[in-house]
Amino acid sequence: MDSLTRGKNAFDRLQAVQEWQVHFDNQPPSVSLSRPGPQPLQPQFAPPEPVTPKIPRPKEPLAPHLLTGYSPQQRIVLRTVHIMIDGHKTVDQIKAQLSLPAETVDSALATLLRLAVIEY
């Protein structure tokens, strides 16, 4: 008879094992597998904090000398966006009220922030 256990005797021996050591060639030396049982409770994560909408506030007037080097069209966009900033409207509200592409408003806000005439 060979050294292999078969049938019910093999099943009984395997059922009693709580942990297995498995070795794969060309893999790390061993992997521990726990016998399936009650699953541990998954950690509960707190829901993410609600995102506070960005509300730009005017900091300084948009003086004409700050617009030197911008094209007439860029000056109009910068002035238009600056006028909309009142410390109460969110960025999304400003975008909704202007008939400009959202990317143009984002670019104007970034420029106004860089010019230090608005803040968040």
PDB file of N, CA and C in Angstrom:
ATOM      1  N   MET A   1       0.831  -1.189   0.000  1.00  0.00           N
ATOM      2  CA  MET A   1       0.000   0.000   0.000  1.00  0.00           C
ATOM      3  C   MET A   1       0.873   1.249   0.000  1.00  0.00           C
ATOM      4  N   ASP A   2       0.459   2.276  -0.751  1.00  0.00           N
ATOM      5  CA  ASP A   2       1.248   3.510  -0.778  1.00  0.00           C
ATOM      6  C   ASP A   2       0.926   4.355   0.456  1.00  0.00           C
ATOM      7  N   SER A   3       1.704   5.432   0.644  1.00  0.00           N
ATOM      8  CA  SER A   3       1.564   6.261   1.847  1.00  0.00           C
ATOM      9  C   SER A   3       0.431   7.283   1.760  1.00  0.00           C
ATOM     10  N   LEU A   4      -0.339   7.290   0.685  1.00  0.00           N
ATOM     11  CA  LEU A   4      -1.446   8.221   0.546  1.00  0.00           C
ATOM     12  C   LEU A   4      -2.658   7.728   1.321  1.00  0.00           C
ATOM     13  N   THR A   5      -3.323   8.663   1.978  1.00  0.00           N
ATOM     14  CA  THR A   5      -4.558   8.342   2.677  1.00  0.00           C
ATOM     15  C   THR A   5      -5.700   8.623   1.720  1.00  0.00           C
ATOM     16  N   ARG A   6      -6.687   7.758   1.702  1.00  0.00           N
ATOM     17  CA  ARG A   6      -7.770   7.893   0.739  1.00  0.00           C
ATOM     18  C   ARG A   6      -9.125   7.844   1.441  1.00  0.00           C
ATOM     19  N   GLY A   7     -10.161   8.340   0.687  1.00  0.00           N
ATOM     20  CA  GLY A   7     -11.534   8.203   1.131  1.00  0.00           C
ATOM     21  C   GLY A   7     -11.857   8.993   2.384  1.00  0.00           C
ATOM     22  N   LYS A   8     -12.725   8.404   3.230  1.00  0.00           N
ATOM     23  CA  LYS A   8     -13.201   9.070   4.442  1.00  0.00           C
ATOM     24  C   LYS A   8     -12.057   9.362   5.386  1.00  0.00           C
ATOM     25  N   ASN A   9     -11.092   8.494   5.460  1.00  0.00           N
ATOM     26  CA  ASN A   9      -9.935   8.705   6.335  1.00  0.00           C
ATOM     27  C   ASN A   9      -9.186   9.971   5.909  1.00  0.00           C
ATOM     28  N   ALA A  10      -9.000  10.169   4.599  1.00  0.00           N
ATOM     29  CA  ALA A  10      -8.323  11.372   4.095  1.00  0.00           C
ATOM     30  C   ALA A  10      -9.168  12.611   4.382  1.00  0.00           C
ATOM     31  N   PHE A  11     -10.483  12.503   4.170  1.00  0.00           N
ATOM     32  CA  PHE A  11     -11.377  13.633   4.425  1.00  0.00           C
ATOM     33  C   PHE A  11     -11.314  14.048   5.897  1.00  0.00           C
ATOM     34  N   ASP A  12     -11.358  13.081   6.810  1.00  0.00           N
ATOM     35  CA  ASP A  12     -11.308  13.382   8.244  1.00  0.00           C
ATOM     36  C   ASP A  12     -10.004  14.081   8.613  1.00  0.00           C
ATOM     37  N   ARG A  13      -8.883  13.637   8.043  1.00  0.00           N
ATOM     38  CA  ARG A  13      -7.590  14.266   8.349  1.00  0.00           C
ATOM     39  C   ARG A  13      -7.535  15.697   7.816  1.00  0.00           C
ATOM     40  N   LEU A  14      -8.052  15.904   6.611  1.00  0.00           N
ATOM     41  CA  LEU A  14      -8.026  17.242   6.013  1.00  0.00           C
ATOM     42  C   LEU A  14      -8.982  18.193   6.732  1.00  0.00           C
ATOM     43  N   GLN A  15     -10.107  17.679   7.188  1.00  0.00           N
ATOM     44  CA  GLN A  15     -11.099  18.520   7.855  1.00  0.00           C
ATOM     45  C   GLN A  15     -10.555  19.069   9.173  1.00  0.00           C
ATOM     46  N   ALA A  16      -9.677  18.358   9.805  1.00  0.00           N
ATOM     47  CA  ALA A  16      -9.132  18.779  11.095  1.00  0.00           C
ATOM     48  C   ALA A  16      -8.060  19.861  10.950  1.00  0.00           C
ATOM     49  N   VAL A  17      -7.529  20.054   9.757  1.00  0.00           N
ATOM     50  CA  VAL A  17      -6.456  21.033   9.553  1.00  0.00           C
ATOM     51  C   VAL A  17      -7.035  22.447   9.574  1.00  0.00           C
ATOM     52  N   GLN A  18      -6.430  23.339  10.372  1.00  0.00           N
ATOM     53  CA  GLN A  18      -6.903  24.715  10.482  1.00  0.00           C
ATOM     54  C   GLN A  18      -6.091  25.679   9.615  1.00  0.00           C
ATOM     55  N   GLU A  19      -4.888  25.320   9.265  1.00  0.00           N
ATOM     56  CA  GLU A  19      -4.036  26.213   8.476  1.00  0.00           C
ATOM     57  C   GLU A  19      -3.203  25.375   7.533  1.00  0.00           C
ATOM     58  N   TRP A  20      -2.997  25.891   6.330  1.00  0.00           N
ATOM     59  CA  TRP A  20      -2.244  25.185   5.309  1.00  0.00           C
ATOM     60  C   TRP A  20      -0.997  25.971   4.962  1.00  0.00           C
ATOM     61  N   GLN A  21       0.079  25.281   4.681  1.00  0.00           N
ATOM     62  CA  GLN A  21       1.281  25.875   4.141  1.00  0.00           C
ATOM     63  C   GLN A  21       1.380  25.424   2.691  1.00  0.00           C
ATOM     64  N   VAL A  22       1.426  26.383   1.768  1.00  0.00           N
ATOM     65  CA  VAL A  22       1.450  26.076   0.347  1.00  0.00           C
ATOM     66  C   VAL A  22       2.743  26.603  -0.236  1.00  0.00           C
ATOM     67  N   HIS A  23       3.381  25.807  -1.073  1.00  0.00           N
ATOM     68  CA  HIS A  23       4.620  26.226  -1.718  1.00  0.00           C
ATOM     69  C   HIS A  23       4.444  26.098  -3.224  1.00  0.00           C
ATOM     70  N   PHE A  24       4.728  27.195  -3.939  1.00  0.00           N
ATOM     71  CA  PHE A  24       4.680  27.202  -5.390  1.00  0.00           C
ATOM     72  C   PHE A  24       6.098  27.396  -5.897  1.00  0.00           C
ATOM     73  N   ASP A  25       6.475  26.644  -6.930  1.00  0.00           N
ATOM     74  CA  ASP A  25       7.785  26.853  -7.537  1.00  0.00           C
ATOM     75  C   ASP A  25       7.829  28.234  -8.155  1.00  0.00           C
ATOM     76  N   ASN A  26       8.972  28.901  -8.090  1.00  0.00           N
ATOM     77  CA  ASN A  26       9.184  30.237  -8.625  1.00  0.00           C
ATOM     78  C   ASN A  26       8.334  31.293  -7.928  1.00  0.00           C
ATOM     79  N   GLN A  27       7.905  31.042  -6.736  1.00  0.00           N
ATOM     80  CA  GLN A  27       7.121  31.977  -5.951  1.00  0.00           C
ATOM     81  C   GLN A  27       7.803  32.140  -4.591  1.00  0.00           C
ATOM     82  N   PRO A  28       7.352  33.068  -3.769  1.00  0.00           N
ATOM     83  CA  PRO A  28       7.901  33.160  -2.422  1.00  0.00           C
ATOM     84  C   PRO A  28       7.785  31.806  -1.730  1.00  0.00           C
ATOM     85  N   PRO A  29       8.652  31.500  -0.750  1.00  0.00           N
ATOM     86  CA  PRO A  29       8.739  30.169  -0.176  1.00  0.00           C
ATOM     87  C   PRO A  29       7.434  29.582   0.350  1.00  0.00           C
ATOM     88  N   SER A  30       6.589  30.352   1.009  1.00  0.00           N
ATOM     89  CA  SER A  30       5.350  29.765   1.494  1.00  0.00           C
ATOM     90  C   SER A  30       4.282  30.826   1.636  1.00  0.00           C
ATOM     91  N   VAL A  31       3.065  30.373   1.533  1.00  0.00           N
ATOM     92  CA  VAL A  31       1.917  31.243   1.696  1.00  0.00           C
ATOM     93  C   VAL A  31       1.016  30.563   2.710  1.00  0.00           C
ATOM     94  N   SER A  32       0.594  31.284   3.697  1.00  0.00           N
ATOM     95  CA  SER A  32      -0.273  30.718   4.711  1.00  0.00           C
ATOM     96  C   SER A  32      -1.722  30.991   4.340  1.00  0.00           C
ATOM     97  N   LEU A  33      -2.504  29.934   4.278  1.00  0.00           N
ATOM     98  CA  LEU A  33      -3.925  30.075   3.976  1.00  0.00           C
ATOM     99  C   LEU A  33      -4.709  29.604   5.188  1.00  0.00           C
ATOM    100  N   SER A  34      -5.546  30.431   5.726  1.00  0.00           N
ATOM    101  CA  SER A  34      -6.388  30.034   6.846  1.00  0.00           C
ATOM    102  C   SER A  34      -7.605  29.314   6.321  1.00  0.00           C
ATOM    103  N   ARG A  35      -8.060  28.395   7.110  1.00  0.00           N
ATOM    104  CA  ARG A  35      -9.257  27.634   6.741  1.00  0.00           C
ATOM    105  C   ARG A  35     -10.455  28.579   6.754  1.00  0.00           C
ATOM    106  N   PRO A  36     -11.345  28.469   5.769  1.00  0.00           N
ATOM    107  CA  PRO A  36     -12.510  29.342   5.766  1.00  0.00           C
ATOM    108  C   PRO A  36     -13.313  29.173   7.052  1.00  0.00           C
ATOM    109  N   GLY A  37     -13.784  30.261   7.553  1.00  0.00           N
ATOM    110  CA  GLY A  37     -14.586  30.254   8.763  1.00  0.00           C
ATOM    111  C   GLY A  37     -15.333  31.563   8.813  1.00  0.00           C
ATOM    112  N   PRO A  38     -15.773  31.935   9.978  1.00  0.00           N
ATOM    113  CA  PRO A  38     -16.443  33.237  10.076  1.00  0.00           C
ATOM    114  C   PRO A  38     -15.491  34.330   9.612  1.00  0.00           C
ATOM    115  N   GLN A  39     -15.964  35.157   8.747  1.00  0.00           N
ATOM    116  CA  GLN A  39     -15.140  36.240   8.225  1.00  0.00           C
ATOM    117  C   GLN A  39     -15.066  37.368   9.243  1.00  0.00           C
ATOM    118  N   PRO A  40     -13.861  37.944   9.444  1.00  0.00           N
ATOM    119  CA  PRO A  40     -13.772  39.080  10.361  1.00  0.00           C
ATOM    120  C   PRO A  40     -14.553  40.253   9.802  1.00  0.00           C
ATOM    121  N   LEU A  41     -15.042  41.063  10.686  1.00  0.00           N
ATOM    122  CA  LEU A  41     -15.782  42.243  10.258  1.00  0.00           C
ATOM    123  C   LEU A  41     -14.850  43.172   9.505  1.00  0.00           C
ATOM    124  N   GLN A  42     -15.340  43.698   8.416  1.00  0.00           N
ATOM    125  CA  GLN A  42     -14.563  44.653   7.640  1.00  0.00           C
ATOM    126  C   GLN A  42     -14.527  45.975   8.396  1.00  0.00           C
ATOM    127  N   PRO A  43     -13.397  46.660   8.356  1.00  0.00           N
ATOM    128  CA  PRO A  43     -13.339  47.948   9.052  1.00  0.00           C
ATOM    129  C   PRO A  43     -14.343  48.923   8.449  1.00  0.00           C
ATOM    130  N   GLN A  44     -14.959  49.656   9.302  1.00  0.00           N
ATOM    131  CA  GLN A  44     -15.913  50.665   8.861  1.00  0.00           C
ATOM    132  C   GLN A  44     -15.167  51.980   8.673  1.00  0.00           C
ATOM    133  N   PHE A  45     -15.303  52.557   7.513  1.00  0.00           N
ATOM    134  CA  PHE A  45     -14.657  53.829   7.232  1.00  0.00           C
ATOM    135  C   PHE A  45     -15.684  54.939   7.392  1.00  0.00           C
ATOM    136  N   ALA A  46     -15.236  56.011   7.956  1.00  0.00           N
ATOM    137  CA  ALA A  46     -16.120  57.159   8.099  1.00  0.00           C
ATOM    138  C   ALA A  46     -16.430  57.707   6.712  1.00  0.00           C
ATOM    139  N   PRO A  47     -17.647  58.157   6.497  1.00  0.00           N
ATOM    140  CA  PRO A  47     -17.948  58.728   5.186  1.00  0.00           C
ATOM    141  C   PRO A  47     -17.079  59.955   4.958  1.00  0.00           C
ATOM    142  N   PRO A  48     -16.741  60.214   3.705  1.00  0.00           N
ATOM    143  CA  PRO A  48     -15.889  61.376   3.438  1.00  0.00           C
ATOM    144  C   PRO A  48     -16.583  62.664   3.877  1.00  0.00           C
ATOM    145  N   GLU A  49     -15.757  63.579   4.292  1.00  0.00           N
ATOM    146  CA  GLU A  49     -16.288  64.889   4.682  1.00  0.00           C
ATOM    147  C   GLU A  49     -16.920  65.542   3.466  1.00  0.00           C
ATOM    148  N   PRO A  50     -18.036  66.232   3.649  1.00  0.00           N
ATOM    149  CA  PRO A  50     -18.625  66.901   2.491  1.00  0.00           C
ATOM    150  C   PRO A  50     -17.651  67.938   1.936  1.00  0.00           C
ATOM    151  N   VAL A  51     -17.615  68.003   0.628  1.00  0.00           N
ATOM    152  CA  VAL A  51     -16.712  68.943  -0.029  1.00  0.00           C
ATOM    153  C   VAL A  51     -17.294  70.346   0.113  1.00  0.00           C
ATOM    154  N   THR A  52     -16.496  71.225   0.666  1.00  0.00           N
ATOM    155  CA  THR A  52     -16.927  72.608   0.800  1.00  0.00           C
ATOM    156  C   THR A  52     -16.699  73.298  -0.540  1.00  0.00           C
ATOM    157  N   PRO A  53     -17.748  73.867  -1.102  1.00  0.00           N
ATOM    158  CA  PRO A  53     -17.563  74.526  -2.400  1.00  0.00           C
ATOM    159  C   PRO A  53     -16.607  75.708  -2.278  1.00  0.00           C
ATOM    160  N   LYS A  54     -15.812  75.879  -3.314  1.00  0.00           N
ATOM    161  CA  LYS A  54     -14.882  77.009  -3.329  1.00  0.00           C
ATOM    162  C   LYS A  54     -15.653  78.296  -3.571  1.00  0.00           C
ATOM    163  N   ILE A  55     -15.406  79.249  -2.702  1.00  0.00           N
ATOM    164  CA  ILE A  55     -16.043  80.557  -2.840  1.00  0.00           C
ATOM    165  C   ILE A  55     -14.938  81.604  -2.907  1.00  0.00           C
ATOM    166  N   PRO A  56     -14.696  82.141  -4.095  1.00  0.00           N
ATOM    167  CA  PRO A  56     -13.676  83.175  -4.209  1.00  0.00           C
ATOM    168  C   PRO A  56     -14.169  84.489  -3.585  1.00  0.00           C
ATOM    169  N   ARG A  57     -13.240  85.203  -2.985  1.00  0.00           N
ATOM    170  CA  ARG A  57     -13.558  86.506  -2.375  1.00  0.00           C
ATOM    171  C   ARG A  57     -12.685  87.570  -3.022  1.00  0.00           C
ATOM    172  N   PRO A  58     -13.245  88.765  -3.241  1.00  0.00           N
ATOM    173  CA  PRO A  58     -12.403  89.840  -3.786  1.00  0.00           C
ATOM    174  C   PRO A  58     -11.387  90.265  -2.737  1.00  0.00           C
ATOM    175  N   LYS A  59     -10.192  90.542  -3.199  1.00  0.00           N
ATOM    176  CA  LYS A  59      -9.120  90.961  -2.290  1.00  0.00           C
ATOM    177  C   LYS A  59      -8.670  92.381  -2.625  1.00  0.00           C
ATOM    178  N   GLU A  60      -8.541  92.653  -3.898  1.00  0.00           N
ATOM    179  CA  GLU A  60      -8.092  93.967  -4.390  1.00  0.00           C
ATOM    180  C   GLU A  60      -8.891  94.311  -5.643  1.00  0.00           C
ATOM    181  N   PRO A  61      -8.995  95.589  -5.968  1.00  0.00           N
ATOM    182  CA  PRO A  61      -9.604  95.953  -7.253  1.00  0.00           C
ATOM    183  C   PRO A  61      -8.709  95.478  -8.398  1.00  0.00           C
ATOM    184  N   LEU A  62      -9.313  95.240  -9.526  1.00  0.00           N
ATOM    185  CA  LEU A  62      -8.555  94.818 -10.707  1.00  0.00           C
ATOM    186  C   LEU A  62      -8.069  96.078 -11.423  1.00  0.00           C
ATOM    187  N   ALA A  63      -6.918  96.559 -11.022  1.00  0.00           N
ATOM    188  CA  ALA A  63      -6.363  97.810 -11.551  1.00  0.00           C
ATOM    189  C   ALA A  63      -5.913  97.617 -13.002  1.00  0.00           C
ATOM    190  N   PRO A  64      -6.079  98.652 -13.828  1.00  0.00           N
ATOM    191  CA  PRO A  64      -5.707  98.551 -15.248  1.00  0.00           C
ATOM    192  C   PRO A  64      -4.255  98.130 -15.472  1.00  0.00           C
ATOM    193  N   HIS A  65      -3.345  98.578 -14.617  1.00  0.00           N
ATOM    194  CA  HIS A  65      -1.931  98.225 -14.845  1.00  0.00           C
ATOM    195  C   HIS A  65      -1.683  96.719 -14.692  1.00  0.00           C
ATOM    196  N   LEU A  66      -2.564  96.018 -13.974  1.00  0.00           N
ATOM    197  CA  LEU A  66      -2.415  94.566 -13.818  1.00  0.00           C
ATOM    198  C   LEU A  66      -2.751  93.811 -15.101  1.00  0.00           C
ATOM    199  N   LEU A  67      -3.496  94.489 -15.989  1.00  0.00           N
ATOM    200  CA  LEU A  67      -3.926  93.834 -17.217  1.00  0.00           C
ATOM    201  C   LEU A  67      -2.999  94.089 -18.396  1.00  0.00           C
ATOM    202  N   THR A  68      -1.893  94.793 -18.154  1.00  0.00           N
ATOM    203  CA  THR A  68      -0.921  95.042 -19.209  1.00  0.00           C
ATOM    204  C   THR A  68      -0.380  93.700 -19.708  1.00  0.00           C
ATOM    205  N   GLY A  69      -0.349  93.562 -21.005  1.00  0.00           N
ATOM    206  CA  GLY A  69       0.173  92.327 -21.582  1.00  0.00           C
ATOM    207  C   GLY A  69      -0.917  91.330 -21.959  1.00  0.00           C
ATOM    208  N   TYR A  70      -2.140  91.581 -21.525  1.00  0.00           N
ATOM    209  CA  TYR A  70      -3.260  90.708 -21.902  1.00  0.00           C
ATOM    210  C   TYR A  70      -3.965  91.300 -23.114  1.00  0.00           C
ATOM    211  N   SER A  71      -4.501  90.440 -23.965  1.00  0.00           N
ATOM    212  CA  SER A  71      -5.237  90.902 -25.145  1.00  0.00           C
ATOM    213  C   SER A  71      -6.542  91.564 -24.690  1.00  0.00           C
ATOM    214  N   PRO A  72      -7.163  92.371 -25.563  1.00  0.00           N
ATOM    215  CA  PRO A  72      -8.446  92.986 -25.200  1.00  0.00           C
ATOM    216  C   PRO A  72      -9.502  91.941 -24.799  1.00  0.00           C
ATOM    217  N   GLN A  73      -9.550  90.829 -25.504  1.00  0.00           N
ATOM    218  CA  GLN A  73     -10.521  89.783 -25.168  1.00  0.00           C
ATOM    219  C   GLN A  73     -10.212  89.197 -23.783  1.00  0.00           C
ATOM    220  N   GLN A  74      -8.945  88.955 -23.484  1.00  0.00           N
ATOM    221  CA  GLN A  74      -8.570  88.422 -22.174  1.00  0.00           C
ATOM    222  C   GLN A  74      -8.921  89.412 -21.062  1.00  0.00           C
ATOM    223  N   ARG A  75      -8.724  90.701 -21.334  1.00  0.00           N
ATOM    224  CA  ARG A  75      -9.065  91.733 -20.335  1.00  0.00           C
ATOM    225  C   ARG A  75     -10.562  91.724 -20.028  1.00  0.00           C
ATOM    226  N   ILE A  76     -11.370  91.569 -21.076  1.00  0.00           N
ATOM    227  CA  ILE A  76     -12.829  91.534 -20.880  1.00  0.00           C
ATOM    228  C   ILE A  76     -13.217  90.329 -20.019  1.00  0.00           C
ATOM    229  N   VAL A  77     -12.636  89.174 -20.326  1.00  0.00           N
ATOM    230  CA  VAL A  77     -12.950  87.958 -19.559  1.00  0.00           C
ATOM    231  C   VAL A  77     -12.517  88.135 -18.103  1.00  0.00           C
ATOM    232  N   LEU A  78     -11.312  88.648 -17.889  1.00  0.00           N
ATOM    233  CA  LEU A  78     -10.826  88.833 -16.517  1.00  0.00           C
ATOM    234  C   LEU A  78     -11.704  89.816 -15.745  1.00  0.00           C
ATOM    235  N   ARG A  79     -12.075  90.903 -16.386  1.00  0.00           N
ATOM    236  CA  ARG A  79     -12.953  91.878 -15.715  1.00  0.00           C
ATOM    237  C   ARG A  79     -14.329  91.273 -15.421  1.00  0.00           C
ATOM    238  N   THR A  80     -14.857  90.542 -16.389  1.00  0.00           N
ATOM    239  CA  THR A  80     -16.184  89.941 -16.227  1.00  0.00           C
ATOM    240  C   THR A  80     -16.193  88.952 -15.062  1.00  0.00           C
ATOM    241  N   VAL A  81     -15.201  88.092 -15.010  1.00  0.00           N
ATOM    242  CA  VAL A  81     -15.141  87.109 -13.925  1.00  0.00           C
ATOM    243  C   VAL A  81     -14.897  87.819 -12.592  1.00  0.00           C
ATOM    244  N   HIS A  82     -14.020  88.820 -12.591  1.00  0.00           N
ATOM    245  CA  HIS A  82     -13.722  89.547 -11.346  1.00  0.00           C
ATOM    246  C   HIS A  82     -14.976  90.228 -10.794  1.00  0.00           C
ATOM    247  N   ILE A  83     -15.785  90.802 -11.673  1.00  0.00           N
ATOM    248  CA  ILE A  83     -17.011  91.482 -11.232  1.00  0.00           C
ATOM    249  C   ILE A  83     -17.977  90.488 -10.564  1.00  0.00           C
ATOM    250  N   MET A  84     -17.975  89.237 -11.025  1.00  0.00           N
ATOM    251  CA  MET A  84     -18.902  88.232 -10.484  1.00  0.00           C
ATOM    252  C   MET A  84     -18.505  87.757  -9.081  1.00  0.00           C
ATOM    253  N   ILE A  85     -17.272  87.998  -8.714  1.00  0.00           N
ATOM    254  CA  ILE A  85     -16.774  87.509  -7.423  1.00  0.00           C
ATOM    255  C   ILE A  85     -17.222  88.463  -6.323  1.00  0.00           C
ATOM    256  N   ASP A  86     -18.073  87.924  -5.424  1.00  0.00           N
ATOM    257  CA  ASP A  86     -18.606  88.767  -4.356  1.00  0.00           C
ATOM    258  C   ASP A  86     -18.431  88.154  -2.961  1.00  0.00           C
ATOM    259  N   GLY A  87     -17.758  87.008  -2.883  1.00  0.00           N
ATOM    260  CA  GLY A  87     -17.565  86.356  -1.589  1.00  0.00           C
ATOM    261  C   GLY A  87     -18.736  85.489  -1.174  1.00  0.00           C
ATOM    262  N   HIS A  88     -19.776  85.411  -2.007  1.00  0.00           N
ATOM    263  CA  HIS A  88     -20.953  84.595  -1.705  1.00  0.00           C
ATOM    264  C   HIS A  88     -21.188  83.508  -2.750  1.00  0.00           C
ATOM    265  N   LYS A  89     -20.909  83.821  -4.007  1.00  0.00           N
ATOM    266  CA  LYS A  89     -21.136  82.859  -5.089  1.00  0.00           C
ATOM    267  C   LYS A  89     -20.001  81.827  -5.120  1.00  0.00           C
ATOM    268  N   THR A  90     -20.390  80.573  -5.359  1.00  0.00           N
ATOM    269  CA  THR A  90     -19.385  79.531  -5.542  1.00  0.00           C
ATOM    270  C   THR A  90     -18.844  79.610  -6.969  1.00  0.00           C
ATOM    271  N   VAL A  91     -17.767  78.904  -7.202  1.00  0.00           N
ATOM    272  CA  VAL A  91     -17.193  78.848  -8.553  1.00  0.00           C
ATOM    273  C   VAL A  91     -18.226  78.287  -9.523  1.00  0.00           C
ATOM    274  N   ASP A  92     -18.937  77.249  -9.105  1.00  0.00           N
ATOM    275  CA  ASP A  92     -19.950  76.656  -9.997  1.00  0.00           C
ATOM    276  C   ASP A  92     -21.075  77.644 -10.300  1.00  0.00           C
ATOM    277  N   GLN A  93     -21.465  78.441  -9.324  1.00  0.00           N
ATOM    278  CA  GLN A  93     -22.507  79.436  -9.568  1.00  0.00           C
ATOM    279  C   GLN A  93     -22.025  80.506 -10.542  1.00  0.00           C
ATOM    280  N   ILE A  94     -20.780  80.904 -10.407  1.00  0.00           N
ATOM    281  CA  ILE A  94     -20.220  81.906 -11.331  1.00  0.00           C
ATOM    282  C   ILE A  94     -20.196  81.336 -12.748  1.00  0.00           C
ATOM    283  N   LYS A  95     -19.775  80.083 -12.874  1.00  0.00           N
ATOM    284  CA  LYS A  95     -19.738  79.447 -14.197  1.00  0.00           C
ATOM    285  C   LYS A  95     -21.136  79.386 -14.802  1.00  0.00           C
ATOM    286  N   ALA A  96     -22.124  79.059 -13.971  1.00  0.00           N
ATOM    287  CA  ALA A  96     -23.497  78.933 -14.470  1.00  0.00           C
ATOM    288  C   ALA A  96     -24.062  80.277 -14.924  1.00  0.00           C
ATOM    289  N   GLN A  97     -23.637  81.367 -14.293  1.00  0.00           N
ATOM    290  CA  GLN A  97     -24.183  82.684 -14.618  1.00  0.00           C
ATOM    291  C   GLN A  97     -23.496  83.345 -15.801  1.00  0.00           C
ATOM    292  N   LEU A  98     -22.330  82.871 -16.164  1.00  0.00           N
ATOM    293  CA  LEU A  98     -21.605  83.457 -17.294  1.00  0.00           C
ATOM    294  C   LEU A  98     -21.778  82.589 -18.528  1.00  0.00           C
ATOM    295  N   SER A  99     -21.838  83.213 -19.661  1.00  0.00           N
ATOM    296  CA  SER A  99     -21.939  82.437 -20.914  1.00  0.00           C
ATOM    297  C   SER A  99     -20.535  82.234 -21.485  1.00  0.00           C
ATOM    298  N   LEU A 100     -19.681  81.668 -20.642  1.00  0.00           N
ATOM    299  CA  LEU A 100     -18.299  81.369 -21.027  1.00  0.00           C
ATOM    300  C   LEU A 100     -18.051  79.881 -20.766  1.00  0.00           C
ATOM    301  N   PRO A 101     -17.142  79.266 -21.522  1.00  0.00           N
ATOM    302  CA  PRO A 101     -16.792  77.875 -21.226  1.00  0.00           C
ATOM    303  C   PRO A 101     -16.210  77.760 -19.811  1.00  0.00           C
ATOM    304  N   ALA A 102     -16.485  76.642 -19.163  1.00  0.00           N
ATOM    305  CA  ALA A 102     -16.007  76.424 -17.791  1.00  0.00           C
ATOM    306  C   ALA A 102     -14.487  76.539 -17.708  1.00  0.00           C
ATOM    307  N   GLU A 103     -13.787  76.055 -18.730  1.00  0.00           N
ATOM    308  CA  GLU A 103     -12.316  76.121 -18.729  1.00  0.00           C
ATOM    309  C   GLU A 103     -11.831  77.569 -18.767  1.00  0.00           C
ATOM    310  N   THR A 104     -12.561  78.421 -19.475  1.00  0.00           N
ATOM    311  CA  THR A 104     -12.196  79.838 -19.552  1.00  0.00           C
ATOM    312  C   THR A 104     -12.355  80.492 -18.187  1.00  0.00           C
ATOM    313  N   VAL A 105     -13.445  80.158 -17.490  1.00  0.00           N
ATOM    314  CA  VAL A 105     -13.660  80.721 -16.145  1.00  0.00           C
ATOM    315  C   VAL A 105     -12.580  80.215 -15.199  1.00  0.00           C
ATOM    316  N   ASP A 106     -12.260  78.913 -15.275  1.00  0.00           N
ATOM    317  CA  ASP A 106     -11.200  78.355 -14.417  1.00  0.00           C
ATOM    318  C   ASP A 106      -9.873  79.054 -14.676  1.00  0.00           C
ATOM    319  N   SER A 107      -9.561  79.282 -15.937  1.00  0.00           N
ATOM    320  CA  SER A 107      -8.314  79.956 -16.295  1.00  0.00           C
ATOM    321  C   SER A 107      -8.312  81.398 -15.780  1.00  0.00           C
ATOM    322  N   ALA A 108      -9.439  82.090 -15.920  1.00  0.00           N
ATOM    323  CA  ALA A 108      -9.534  83.472 -15.435  1.00  0.00           C
ATOM    324  C   ALA A 108      -9.382  83.511 -13.910  1.00  0.00           C
ATOM    325  N   LEU A 109     -10.009  82.575 -13.212  1.00  0.00           N
ATOM    326  CA  LEU A 109      -9.877  82.530 -11.747  1.00  0.00           C
ATOM    327  C   LEU A 109      -8.425  82.281 -11.335  1.00  0.00           C
ATOM    328  N   ALA A 110      -7.753  81.389 -12.044  1.00  0.00           N
ATOM    329  CA  ALA A 110      -6.344  81.117 -11.738  1.00  0.00           C
ATOM    330  C   ALA A 110      -5.495  82.366 -11.966  1.00  0.00           C
ATOM    331  N   THR A 111      -5.786  83.093 -13.050  1.00  0.00           N
ATOM    332  CA  THR A 111      -5.047  84.324 -13.338  1.00  0.00           C
ATOM    333  C   THR A 111      -5.315  85.377 -12.270  1.00  0.00           C
ATOM    334  N   LEU A 112      -6.586  85.540 -11.888  1.00  0.00           N
ATOM    335  CA  LEU A 112      -6.935  86.533 -10.857  1.00  0.00           C
ATOM    336  C   LEU A 112      -6.294  86.174  -9.508  1.00  0.00           C
ATOM    337  N   LEU A 113      -6.211  84.898  -9.223  1.00  0.00           N
ATOM    338  CA  LEU A 113      -5.549  84.457  -7.989  1.00  0.00           C
ATOM    339  C   LEU A 113      -4.053  84.766  -8.052  1.00  0.00           C
ATOM    340  N   ARG A 114      -3.464  84.497  -9.209  1.00  0.00           N
ATOM    341  CA  ARG A 114      -2.037  84.781  -9.402  1.00  0.00           C
ATOM    342  C   ARG A 114      -1.754  86.281  -9.323  1.00  0.00           C
ATOM    343  N   LEU A 115      -2.701  87.101  -9.794  1.00  0.00           N
ATOM    344  CA  LEU A 115      -2.550  88.553  -9.715  1.00  0.00           C
ATOM    345  C   LEU A 115      -2.827  89.084  -8.301  1.00  0.00           C
ATOM    346  N   ALA A 116      -3.256  88.186  -7.413  1.00  0.00           N
ATOM    347  CA  ALA A 116      -3.531  88.503  -6.003  1.00  0.00           C
ATOM    348  C   ALA A 116      -4.683  89.501  -5.830  1.00  0.00           C
ATOM    349  N   VAL A 117      -5.670  89.403  -6.736  1.00  0.00           N
ATOM    350  CA  VAL A 117      -6.840  90.279  -6.590  1.00  0.00           C
ATOM    351  C   VAL A 117      -8.043  89.507  -6.021  1.00  0.00           C
ATOM    352  N   ILE A 118      -7.912  88.163  -5.937  1.00  0.00           N
ATOM    353  CA  ILE A 118      -8.928  87.360  -5.281  1.00  0.00           C
ATOM    354  C   ILE A 118      -8.229  86.369  -4.348  1.00  0.00           C
ATOM    355  N   GLU A 119      -9.031  85.760  -3.482  1.00  0.00           N
ATOM    356  CA  GLU A 119      -8.515  84.720  -2.592  1.00  0.00           C
ATOM    357  C   GLU A 119      -9.634  83.722  -2.337  1.00  0.00           C
ATOM    358  N   TYR A 120      -9.271  82.558  -1.802  1.00  0.00           N
ATOM    359  CA  TYR A 120     -10.268  81.546  -1.449  1.00  0.00           C
ATOM    360  C   TYR A 120     -10.279  81.371   0.054  1.00  0.00           C
TER     361      TYR A 120
END
